[in-house]
Amino acid sequence: MTLESDRELAERLVRAAGGIALELRGGAAEVKAEGPTDLVTEADRRAEALLLDLLREERPGDGVVGEEGGAVAPAGARRWVLDAVDGTHNYARGVPLWCAAVALLDADGPLACAVYDAERDELFSAARGEGATVGGRPLRTGGVAELGSASVAMFVDVRRRDPEAIALNAAVAERVGSLRCLGSGSLELAYVAAGRVDAWLQPDSEPWDWHPGALLVREAGGVARVDGRWYVASRSPALAGELLALTAPPTLRRSDGDP
C-alpha cells in the first residue's frame, strides 16, 4: 500500500472540511471576542474537529493549530495549521466566497498545502519544490503588473482598523488600478497564484490565513513576503516591492493627512 503524501493528505483534509461546510450551510453564527464581524459557526467547529481526528490518525507525531482553538503539541518540527472555513462572515451570510485551507510547516517553512473552494469544487494544492496546481492543472503566475493597473486584494475590517492600517488602505487605493476585498484570505491568495488577482496585501495575518496561500503563490512562481507586520503576495517581485514601499512611515503619514 502506497503511503499518502503530505500534499495528498492536505487535499483530503480540505475536501472533508468543505464537505461538512456545504452540508451545514444556513446554520446560526456566533460573534467571537474580536468584534462583530468575527463569526464562528457549527461548520467551523465540526470541520476543525474532524481534521484534528484525521491528523491524529494519519500523522500522530505532528503538531496542529486550528483557528477555532484546536491544538496538538508537536513531537517534532512539523506542524499543521488549519482554517476549516476561511471566510466565515461570507459563509454565514450566504456569500459563496469561502474555502477550507490547511498547510503543513516544518523547520524550513511551509512544506505542503491545499485550499478548497467547495462552492465551485475547485482544489488548489502545492508542495515545496513540486509546483502548484488547480484541479490537477499546473499553475504558473508571472509577468509584470504595473502598480497603477494592478488588481490588489486587501482586508478592510474593524479588527484591522488602527491608524496605520487605515493609512495604508488609503495609500493603496490612491495608487492601484483596483481593490478587491473578497473576504477569504486563502482564496484571494489562491487567486494570486492563478493569475486572477495581481497581488495581496494585509497587516498582521494569522498563520492559517497566510501559509496555505503563500505556498501556492511561491510554487506558482510568484512572491510571498513578510516585512514587519505587513504580508504581501504578488505575481512579481517588482509589484511586491512597490506595495511594501507604501508601508513605509513617510508614505503612511502623507496618506493620513500629516505633514
C-alpha atoms as a PDB file:
ATOM      1  CA  MET A   1       0.000   0.000   0.000  1.00  0.00           C
ATOM      2  CA  THR A   2       1.448   3.388  -1.013  1.00  0.00           C
ATOM      3  CA  LEU A   3       1.796   5.905   1.822  1.00  0.00           C
ATOM      4  CA  GLU A   4      -0.285   9.033   1.273  1.00  0.00           C
ATOM      5  CA  SER A   5       1.955  12.071   0.724  1.00  0.00           C
ATOM      6  CA  ASP A   6       1.597  15.196   2.846  1.00  0.00           C
ATOM      7  CA  ARG A   7       0.181  17.021  -0.160  1.00  0.00           C
ATOM      8  CA  GLU A   8      -2.379  14.293  -0.806  1.00  0.00           C
ATOM      9  CA  LEU A   9      -3.365  14.330   2.854  1.00  0.00           C
ATOM     10  CA  ALA A  10      -3.749  18.129   2.738  1.00  0.00           C
ATOM     11  CA  GLU A  11      -6.060  17.736  -0.255  1.00  0.00           C
ATOM     12  CA  ARG A  12      -8.124  15.112   1.564  1.00  0.00           C
ATOM     13  CA  LEU A  13      -8.375  17.290   4.664  1.00  0.00           C
ATOM     14  CA  VAL A  14      -9.734  20.344   2.852  1.00  0.00           C
ATOM     15  CA  ARG A  15     -12.209  18.283   0.854  1.00  0.00           C
ATOM     16  CA  ALA A  16     -13.508  16.784   4.112  1.00  0.00           C
ATOM     17  CA  ALA A  17     -13.831  20.206   5.739  1.00  0.00           C
ATOM     18  CA  GLY A  18     -15.505  21.682   2.679  1.00  0.00           C
ATOM     19  CA  GLY A  19     -17.982  18.815   2.546  1.00  0.00           C
ATOM     20  CA  ILE A  20     -19.089  19.419   6.135  1.00  0.00           C
ATOM     21  CA  ALA A  21     -19.438  23.154   5.488  1.00  0.00           C
ATOM     22  CA  LEU A  22     -21.601  22.536   2.438  1.00  0.00           C
ATOM     23  CA  GLU A  23     -23.915  20.272   4.460  1.00  0.00           C
ATOM     24  CA  LEU A  24     -24.288  22.823   7.263  1.00  0.00           C
ATOM     25  CA  ARG A  25     -24.875  25.971   5.208  1.00  0.00           C
ATOM     26  CA  GLY A  26     -27.559  28.225   6.639  1.00  0.00           C
ATOM     27  CA  GLY A  27     -26.864  27.461  10.302  1.00  0.00           C
ATOM     28  CA  ALA A  28     -26.616  30.054  13.052  1.00  0.00           C
ATOM     29  CA  ALA A  29     -23.458  32.098  13.583  1.00  0.00           C
ATOM     30  CA  GLU A  30     -21.993  33.383  16.844  1.00  0.00           C
ATOM     31  CA  VAL A  31     -19.907  36.527  17.335  1.00  0.00           C
ATOM     32  CA  LYS A  32     -16.427  35.898  18.748  1.00  0.00           C
ATOM     33  CA  ALA A  33     -14.494  38.167  21.083  1.00  0.00           C
ATOM     34  CA  GLU A  34     -12.590  40.156  18.445  1.00  0.00           C
ATOM     35  CA  GLY A  35     -15.573  42.061  17.085  1.00  0.00           C
ATOM     36  CA  PRO A  36     -18.948  41.944  15.345  1.00  0.00           C
ATOM     37  CA  THR A  37     -17.537  40.727  12.023  1.00  0.00           C
ATOM     38  CA  ASP A  38     -15.558  37.843  13.591  1.00  0.00           C
ATOM     39  CA  LEU A  39     -18.015  34.946  13.404  1.00  0.00           C
ATOM     40  CA  VAL A  40     -17.965  31.226  14.137  1.00  0.00           C
ATOM     41  CA  THR A  41     -20.470  28.588  13.019  1.00  0.00           C
ATOM     42  CA  GLU A  42     -21.166  24.943  13.739  1.00  0.00           C
ATOM     43  CA  ALA A  43     -19.407  24.171  10.457  1.00  0.00           C
ATOM     44  CA  ASP A  44     -16.185  25.817  11.680  1.00  0.00           C
ATOM     45  CA  ARG A  45     -16.174  23.747  14.840  1.00  0.00           C
ATOM     46  CA  ARG A  46     -17.283  20.420  13.399  1.00  0.00           C
ATOM     47  CA  ALA A  47     -14.962  20.598  10.400  1.00  0.00           C
ATOM     48  CA  GLU A  48     -11.961  21.523  12.543  1.00  0.00           C
ATOM     49  CA  ALA A  49     -12.741  18.672  14.949  1.00  0.00           C
ATOM     50  CA  LEU A  50     -12.832  16.238  12.027  1.00  0.00           C
ATOM     51  CA  LEU A  51      -9.467  17.483  10.760  1.00  0.00           C
ATOM     52  CA  LEU A  52      -7.930  17.068  14.211  1.00  0.00           C
ATOM     53  CA  ASP A  53      -9.198  13.481  14.352  1.00  0.00           C
ATOM     54  CA  LEU A  54      -7.859  12.703  10.876  1.00  0.00           C
ATOM     55  CA  LEU A  55      -4.441  14.139  11.697  1.00  0.00           C
ATOM     56  CA  ARG A  56      -4.224  12.222  14.980  1.00  0.00           C
ATOM     57  CA  GLU A  57      -4.821   9.076  12.958  1.00  0.00           C
ATOM     58  CA  GLU A  58      -2.665   9.842   9.907  1.00  0.00           C
ATOM     59  CA  ARG A  59       0.168  11.965  11.368  1.00  0.00           C
ATOM     60  CA  PRO A  60       0.197  11.292  15.139  1.00  0.00           C
ATOM     61  CA  GLY A  61       3.639  12.851  15.596  1.00  0.00           C
ATOM     62  CA  ASP A  62       2.737  16.197  14.020  1.00  0.00           C
ATOM     63  CA  GLY A  63       1.583  19.289  15.873  1.00  0.00           C
ATOM     64  CA  VAL A  64      -1.675  21.005  14.938  1.00  0.00           C
ATOM     65  CA  VAL A  65      -3.026  24.536  15.406  1.00  0.00           C
ATOM     66  CA  GLY A  66      -6.574  25.404  14.316  1.00  0.00           C
ATOM     67  CA  GLU A  67      -8.254  28.789  14.043  1.00  0.00           C
ATOM     68  CA  GLU A  68     -11.038  27.700  16.400  1.00  0.00           C
ATOM     69  CA  GLY A  69      -8.634  26.665  19.143  1.00  0.00           C
ATOM     70  CA  GLY A  70      -7.931  23.043  18.320  1.00  0.00           C
ATOM     71  CA  ALA A  71      -4.312  22.217  19.129  1.00  0.00           C
ATOM     72  CA  VAL A  72      -1.955  19.260  19.420  1.00  0.00           C
ATOM     73  CA  ALA A  73       1.522  19.793  20.836  1.00  0.00           C
ATOM     74  CA  PRO A  74       4.177  18.797  18.283  1.00  0.00           C
ATOM     75  CA  ALA A  75       6.600  15.972  18.900  1.00  0.00           C
ATOM     76  CA  GLY A  76       8.981  17.456  16.323  1.00  0.00           C
ATOM     77  CA  ALA A  77       9.286  20.373  13.953  1.00  0.00           C
ATOM     78  CA  ARG A  78       6.253  19.508  11.821  1.00  0.00           C
ATOM     79  CA  ARG A  79       3.045  21.448  12.477  1.00  0.00           C
ATOM     80  CA  TRP A  80      -0.264  21.727  10.613  1.00  0.00           C
ATOM     81  CA  VAL A  81      -2.252  24.976  10.547  1.00  0.00           C
ATOM     82  CA  LEU A  82      -5.974  24.676   9.832  1.00  0.00           C
ATOM     83  CA  ASP A  83      -8.743  27.013   8.760  1.00  0.00           C
ATOM     84  CA  ALA A  84     -11.703  24.730   8.178  1.00  0.00           C
ATOM     85  CA  VAL A  85     -13.903  27.606   6.959  1.00  0.00           C
ATOM     86  CA  ASP A  86     -11.902  30.630   5.832  1.00  0.00           C
ATOM     87  CA  GLY A  87     -14.316  33.472   5.119  1.00  0.00           C
ATOM     88  CA  THR A  88     -16.852  32.602   7.807  1.00  0.00           C
ATOM     89  CA  HIS A  89     -18.517  36.015   7.522  1.00  0.00           C
ATOM     90  CA  ASN A  90     -19.233  35.300   3.843  1.00  0.00           C
ATOM     91  CA  TYR A  91     -20.226  31.708   4.581  1.00  0.00           C
ATOM     92  CA  ALA A  92     -22.667  32.679   7.337  1.00  0.00           C
ATOM     93  CA  ARG A  93     -24.346  35.306   5.138  1.00  0.00           C
ATOM     94  CA  GLY A  94     -24.689  33.099   2.080  1.00  0.00           C
ATOM     95  CA  VAL A  95     -21.923  34.749   0.055  1.00  0.00           C
ATOM     96  CA  PRO A  96     -20.251  31.913  -1.920  1.00  0.00           C
ATOM     97  CA  LEU A  97     -16.675  33.111  -1.370  1.00  0.00           C
ATOM     98  CA  TRP A  98     -15.123  30.935   1.324  1.00  0.00           C
ATOM     99  CA  CYS A  99     -12.824  27.937   1.420  1.00  0.00           C
ATOM    100  CA  ALA A 100     -11.108  25.328   3.559  1.00  0.00           C
ATOM    101  CA  ALA A 101      -7.350  25.769   3.914  1.00  0.00           C
ATOM    102  CA  VAL A 102      -4.522  23.786   5.516  1.00  0.00           C
ATOM    103  CA  ALA A 103      -0.752  23.904   5.457  1.00  0.00           C
ATOM    104  CA  LEU A 104       1.998  21.734   6.891  1.00  0.00           C
ATOM    105  CA  LEU A 105       5.062  23.566   8.220  1.00  0.00           C
ATOM    106  CA  ASP A 106       8.478  22.215   9.103  1.00  0.00           C
ATOM    107  CA  ALA A 107      11.688  23.872  10.288  1.00  0.00           C
ATOM    108  CA  ASP A 108      12.147  25.489   6.856  1.00  0.00           C
ATOM    109  CA  GLY A 109       8.593  26.856   6.486  1.00  0.00           C
ATOM    110  CA  PRO A 110       5.538  25.667   4.522  1.00  0.00           C
ATOM    111  CA  LEU A 111       6.016  22.162   3.140  1.00  0.00           C
ATOM    112  CA  ALA A 112       2.591  21.287   1.691  1.00  0.00           C
ATOM    113  CA  CYS A 113      -0.803  22.945   1.446  1.00  0.00           C
ATOM    114  CA  ALA A 114      -4.286  22.776  -0.008  1.00  0.00           C
ATOM    115  CA  VAL A 115      -7.113  25.274  -0.460  1.00  0.00           C
ATOM    116  CA  TYR A 116     -10.569  24.021  -1.445  1.00  0.00           C
ATOM    117  CA  ASP A 117     -13.365  26.179  -2.827  1.00  0.00           C
ATOM    118  CA  ALA A 118     -16.237  23.812  -2.084  1.00  0.00           C
ATOM    119  CA  GLU A 119     -18.845  26.006  -3.775  1.00  0.00           C
ATOM    120  CA  ARG A 120     -17.067  25.546  -7.108  1.00  0.00           C
ATOM    121  CA  ASP A 121     -15.398  22.181  -6.361  1.00  0.00           C
ATOM    122  CA  GLU A 122     -12.059  23.850  -7.122  1.00  0.00           C
ATOM    123  CA  LEU A 123      -8.991  22.381  -5.400  1.00  0.00           C
ATOM    124  CA  PHE A 124      -5.658  24.227  -5.211  1.00  0.00           C
ATOM    125  CA  SER A 125      -2.605  22.478  -3.788  1.00  0.00           C
ATOM    126  CA  ALA A 126       1.170  22.725  -3.653  1.00  0.00           C
ATOM    127  CA  ALA A 127       4.237  21.170  -2.085  1.00  0.00           C
ATOM    128  CA  ARG A 128       7.677  22.638  -1.696  1.00  0.00           C
ATOM    129  CA  GLY A 129       9.654  22.111  -4.894  1.00  0.00           C
ATOM    130  CA  GLU A 130       6.731  20.378  -6.666  1.00  0.00           C
ATOM    131  CA  GLY A 131       4.830  23.371  -8.044  1.00  0.00           C
ATOM    132  CA  ALA A 132       1.210  24.357  -7.560  1.00  0.00           C
ATOM    133  CA  THR A 133      -1.935  23.092  -9.257  1.00  0.00           C
ATOM    134  CA  VAL A 134      -5.642  23.807  -9.501  1.00  0.00           C
ATOM    135  CA  GLY A 135      -7.835  20.873 -10.405  1.00  0.00           C
ATOM    136  CA  GLY A 136      -4.641  18.964 -11.192  1.00  0.00           C
ATOM    137  CA  ARG A 137      -3.520  21.541 -13.768  1.00  0.00           C
ATOM    138  CA  PRO A 138      -0.228  23.394 -13.217  1.00  0.00           C
ATOM    139  CA  LEU A 139      -0.417  26.976 -12.010  1.00  0.00           C
ATOM    140  CA  ARG A 140       2.147  29.452 -13.266  1.00  0.00           C
ATOM    141  CA  THR A 141       1.893  33.125 -12.488  1.00  0.00           C
ATOM    142  CA  GLY A 142       4.326  35.775 -13.654  1.00  0.00           C
ATOM    143  CA  GLY A 143       4.722  38.747 -15.904  1.00  0.00           C
ATOM    144  CA  VAL A 144       4.876  42.356 -14.829  1.00  0.00           C
ATOM    145  CA  ALA A 145       1.876  44.233 -13.460  1.00  0.00           C
ATOM    146  CA  GLU A 146       2.260  47.972 -13.016  1.00  0.00           C
ATOM    147  CA  LEU A 147       1.003  49.296  -9.712  1.00  0.00           C
ATOM    148  CA  GLY A 148      -1.331  51.729 -11.466  1.00  0.00           C
ATOM    149  CA  SER A 149      -3.135  48.928 -13.311  1.00  0.00           C
ATOM    150  CA  ALA A 150      -2.811  46.131 -10.729  1.00  0.00           C
ATOM    151  CA  SER A 151      -5.761  44.391  -9.087  1.00  0.00           C
ATOM    152  CA  VAL A 152      -4.889  44.100  -5.385  1.00  0.00           C
ATOM    153  CA  ALA A 153      -6.779  42.204  -2.680  1.00  0.00           C
ATOM    154  CA  MET A 154      -6.906  43.720   0.815  1.00  0.00           C
ATOM    155  CA  PHE A 155      -8.788  43.237   4.088  1.00  0.00           C
ATOM    156  CA  VAL A 156     -10.846  46.120   5.497  1.00  0.00           C
ATOM    157  CA  ASP A 157     -12.386  45.191   8.821  1.00  0.00           C
ATOM    158  CA  VAL A 158     -12.871  46.545  12.338  1.00  0.00           C
ATOM    159  CA  ARG A 159     -10.128  44.178  13.531  1.00  0.00           C
ATOM    160  CA  ARG A 160      -7.580  45.880  11.247  1.00  0.00           C
ATOM    161  CA  ARG A 161      -8.622  49.498  11.560  1.00  0.00           C
ATOM    162  CA  ASP A 162      -5.771  51.067  13.508  1.00  0.00           C
ATOM    163  CA  PRO A 163      -4.431  54.382  12.096  1.00  0.00           C
ATOM    164  CA  GLU A 164      -1.508  52.728  10.323  1.00  0.00           C
ATOM    165  CA  ALA A 165      -3.720  50.173   8.573  1.00  0.00           C
ATOM    166  CA  ILE A 166      -6.244  52.850   7.585  1.00  0.00           C
ATOM    167  CA  ALA A 167      -3.445  54.990   6.163  1.00  0.00           C
ATOM    168  CA  LEU A 168      -2.106  52.067   4.137  1.00  0.00           C
ATOM    169  CA  ASN A 169      -5.559  51.311   2.730  1.00  0.00           C
ATOM    170  CA  ALA A 170      -5.778  54.931   1.581  1.00  0.00           C
ATOM    171  CA  ALA A 171      -2.262  54.880   0.105  1.00  0.00           C
ATOM    172  CA  VAL A 172      -3.000  51.699  -1.862  1.00  0.00           C
ATOM    173  CA  ALA A 173      -6.419  52.928  -3.004  1.00  0.00           C
ATOM    174  CA  GLU A 174      -4.835  56.079  -4.411  1.00  0.00           C
ATOM    175  CA  ARG A 175      -2.261  54.196  -6.475  1.00  0.00           C
ATOM    176  CA  VAL A 176      -3.539  50.808  -7.688  1.00  0.00           C
ATOM    177  CA  GLY A 177      -5.800  50.003 -10.598  1.00  0.00           C
ATOM    178  CA  SER A 178      -8.459  48.330  -8.435  1.00  0.00           C
ATOM    179  CA  LEU A 179      -9.032  46.943  -4.954  1.00  0.00           C
ATOM    180  CA  ARG A 180     -10.590  43.561  -4.305  1.00  0.00           C
ATOM    181  CA  CYS A 181     -11.958  42.690  -0.843  1.00  0.00           C
ATOM    182  CA  LEU A 182     -13.291  39.163  -1.273  1.00  0.00           C
ATOM    183  CA  GLY A 183     -13.403  38.249   2.414  1.00  0.00           C
ATOM    184  CA  SER A 184     -11.387  34.999   2.314  1.00  0.00           C
ATOM    185  CA  GLY A 185      -7.635  35.457   2.569  1.00  0.00           C
ATOM    186  CA  SER A 186      -6.647  31.963   1.456  1.00  0.00           C
ATOM    187  CA  LEU A 187      -8.966  32.128  -1.539  1.00  0.00           C
ATOM    188  CA  GLU A 188      -7.547  35.535  -2.513  1.00  0.00           C
ATOM    189  CA  LEU A 189      -4.005  34.150  -2.292  1.00  0.00           C
ATOM    190  CA  ALA A 190      -5.034  31.174  -4.420  1.00  0.00           C
ATOM    191  CA  TYR A 191      -6.342  33.680  -6.966  1.00  0.00           C
ATOM    192  CA  VAL A 192      -2.939  35.418  -6.983  1.00  0.00           C
ATOM    193  CA  ALA A 193      -1.346  32.042  -7.721  1.00  0.00           C
ATOM    194  CA  ALA A 194      -3.872  31.506 -10.526  1.00  0.00           C
ATOM    195  CA  GLY A 195      -3.303  34.984 -12.013  1.00  0.00           C
ATOM    196  CA  ARG A 196      -6.860  36.124 -11.250  1.00  0.00           C
ATOM    197  CA  VAL A 197      -5.616  38.833  -8.861  1.00  0.00           C
ATOM    198  CA  ASP A 198      -2.228  40.533  -9.204  1.00  0.00           C
ATOM    199  CA  ALA A 199      -1.346  40.940  -5.535  1.00  0.00           C
ATOM    200  CA  TRP A 200      -2.484  40.619  -1.914  1.00  0.00           C
ATOM    201  CA  LEU A 201      -1.545  42.903   0.989  1.00  0.00           C
ATOM    202  CA  GLN A 202      -2.597  42.662   4.642  1.00  0.00           C
ATOM    203  CA  PRO A 203      -1.294  43.502   8.115  1.00  0.00           C
ATOM    204  CA  ASP A 204      -0.931  41.029  10.981  1.00  0.00           C
ATOM    205  CA  SER A 205      -2.045  37.908   9.138  1.00  0.00           C
ATOM    206  CA  GLU A 206      -2.708  34.745  11.139  1.00  0.00           C
ATOM    207  CA  PRO A 207      -0.643  31.661  10.216  1.00  0.00           C
ATOM    208  CA  TRP A 208      -3.657  29.728   8.914  1.00  0.00           C
ATOM    209  CA  ASP A 209      -4.626  32.702   6.733  1.00  0.00           C
ATOM    210  CA  TRP A 210      -1.129  33.106   5.298  1.00  0.00           C
ATOM    211  CA  HIS A 211       0.805  29.868   4.935  1.00  0.00           C
ATOM    212  CA  PRO A 212      -1.553  27.821   2.699  1.00  0.00           C
ATOM    213  CA  GLY A 213      -1.946  30.562   0.102  1.00  0.00           C
ATOM    214  CA  ALA A 214       1.616  31.854   0.381  1.00  0.00           C
ATOM    215  CA  LEU A 215       2.999  28.439  -0.584  1.00  0.00           C
ATOM    216  CA  LEU A 216       0.610  28.303  -3.551  1.00  0.00           C
ATOM    217  CA  VAL A 217       1.904  31.681  -4.751  1.00  0.00           C
ATOM    218  CA  ARG A 218       5.570  30.762  -4.340  1.00  0.00           C
ATOM    219  CA  GLU A 219       5.184  27.411  -6.064  1.00  0.00           C
ATOM    220  CA  ALA A 220       3.313  29.098  -8.925  1.00  0.00           C
ATOM    221  CA  GLY A 221       6.328  31.351  -9.468  1.00  0.00           C
ATOM    222  CA  GLY A 222       5.151  34.400  -7.560  1.00  0.00           C
ATOM    223  CA  VAL A 223       6.434  36.192  -4.473  1.00  0.00           C
ATOM    224  CA  ALA A 224       5.192  35.903  -0.878  1.00  0.00           C
ATOM    225  CA  ARG A 225       6.987  38.022   1.714  1.00  0.00           C
ATOM    226  CA  VAL A 226       6.608  39.287   5.268  1.00  0.00           C
ATOM    227  CA  ASP A 227       8.034  42.663   6.278  1.00  0.00           C
ATOM    228  CA  GLY A 228       7.284  43.554   9.881  1.00  0.00           C
ATOM    229  CA  ARG A 229       3.516  43.442  10.280  1.00  0.00           C
ATOM    230  CA  TRP A 230       2.887  43.520   6.515  1.00  0.00           C
ATOM    231  CA  TYR A 231       2.222  40.408   4.440  1.00  0.00           C
ATOM    232  CA  VAL A 232       2.409  40.691   0.662  1.00  0.00           C
ATOM    233  CA  ALA A 233       1.990  38.203  -2.172  1.00  0.00           C
ATOM    234  CA  SER A 234       2.362  39.132  -5.815  1.00  0.00           C
ATOM    235  CA  ARG A 235       2.812  37.829  -9.303  1.00  0.00           C
ATOM    236  CA  SER A 236       6.193  39.630  -9.489  1.00  0.00           C
ATOM    237  CA  PRO A 237       8.964  40.883  -7.176  1.00  0.00           C
ATOM    238  CA  ALA A 238       8.628  44.398  -8.606  1.00  0.00           C
ATOM    239  CA  LEU A 239       4.953  44.702  -7.700  1.00  0.00           C
ATOM    240  CA  ALA A 240       5.573  43.264  -4.231  1.00  0.00           C
ATOM    241  CA  GLY A 241       8.309  45.831  -3.702  1.00  0.00           C
ATOM    242  CA  GLU A 242       6.074  48.692  -4.820  1.00  0.00           C
ATOM    243  CA  LEU A 243       3.360  47.641  -2.393  1.00  0.00           C
ATOM    244  CA  LEU A 244       5.751  47.219   0.520  1.00  0.00           C
ATOM    245  CA  ALA A 245       7.198  50.649  -0.234  1.00  0.00           C
ATOM    246  CA  LEU A 246       3.752  52.074   0.560  1.00  0.00           C
ATOM    247  CA  THR A 247       4.032  50.708   4.106  1.00  0.00           C
ATOM    248  CA  ALA A 248       6.988  52.998   4.888  1.00  0.00           C
ATOM    249  CA  PRO A 249       6.118  55.574   7.582  1.00  0.00           C
ATOM    250  CA  PRO A 250       6.564  58.685   5.363  1.00  0.00           C
ATOM    251  CA  THR A 251       4.042  57.340   2.852  1.00  0.00           C
ATOM    252  CA  LEU A 252       1.572  56.484   5.587  1.00  0.00           C
ATOM    253  CA  ARG A 253       1.919  59.873   7.228  1.00  0.00           C
ATOM    254  CA  ARG A 254       1.213  61.662   3.949  1.00  0.00           C
ATOM    255  CA  SER A 255      -1.803  59.456   3.263  1.00  0.00           C
ATOM    256  CA  ASP A 256      -3.106  60.069   6.778  1.00  0.00           C
ATOM    257  CA  GLY A 257      -3.081  63.844   6.282  1.00  0.00           C
ATOM    258  CA  ASP A 258       0.006  64.585   8.370  1.00  0.00           C
ATOM    259  CA  PRO A 259       2.702  66.977   7.095  1.00  0.00           C
END
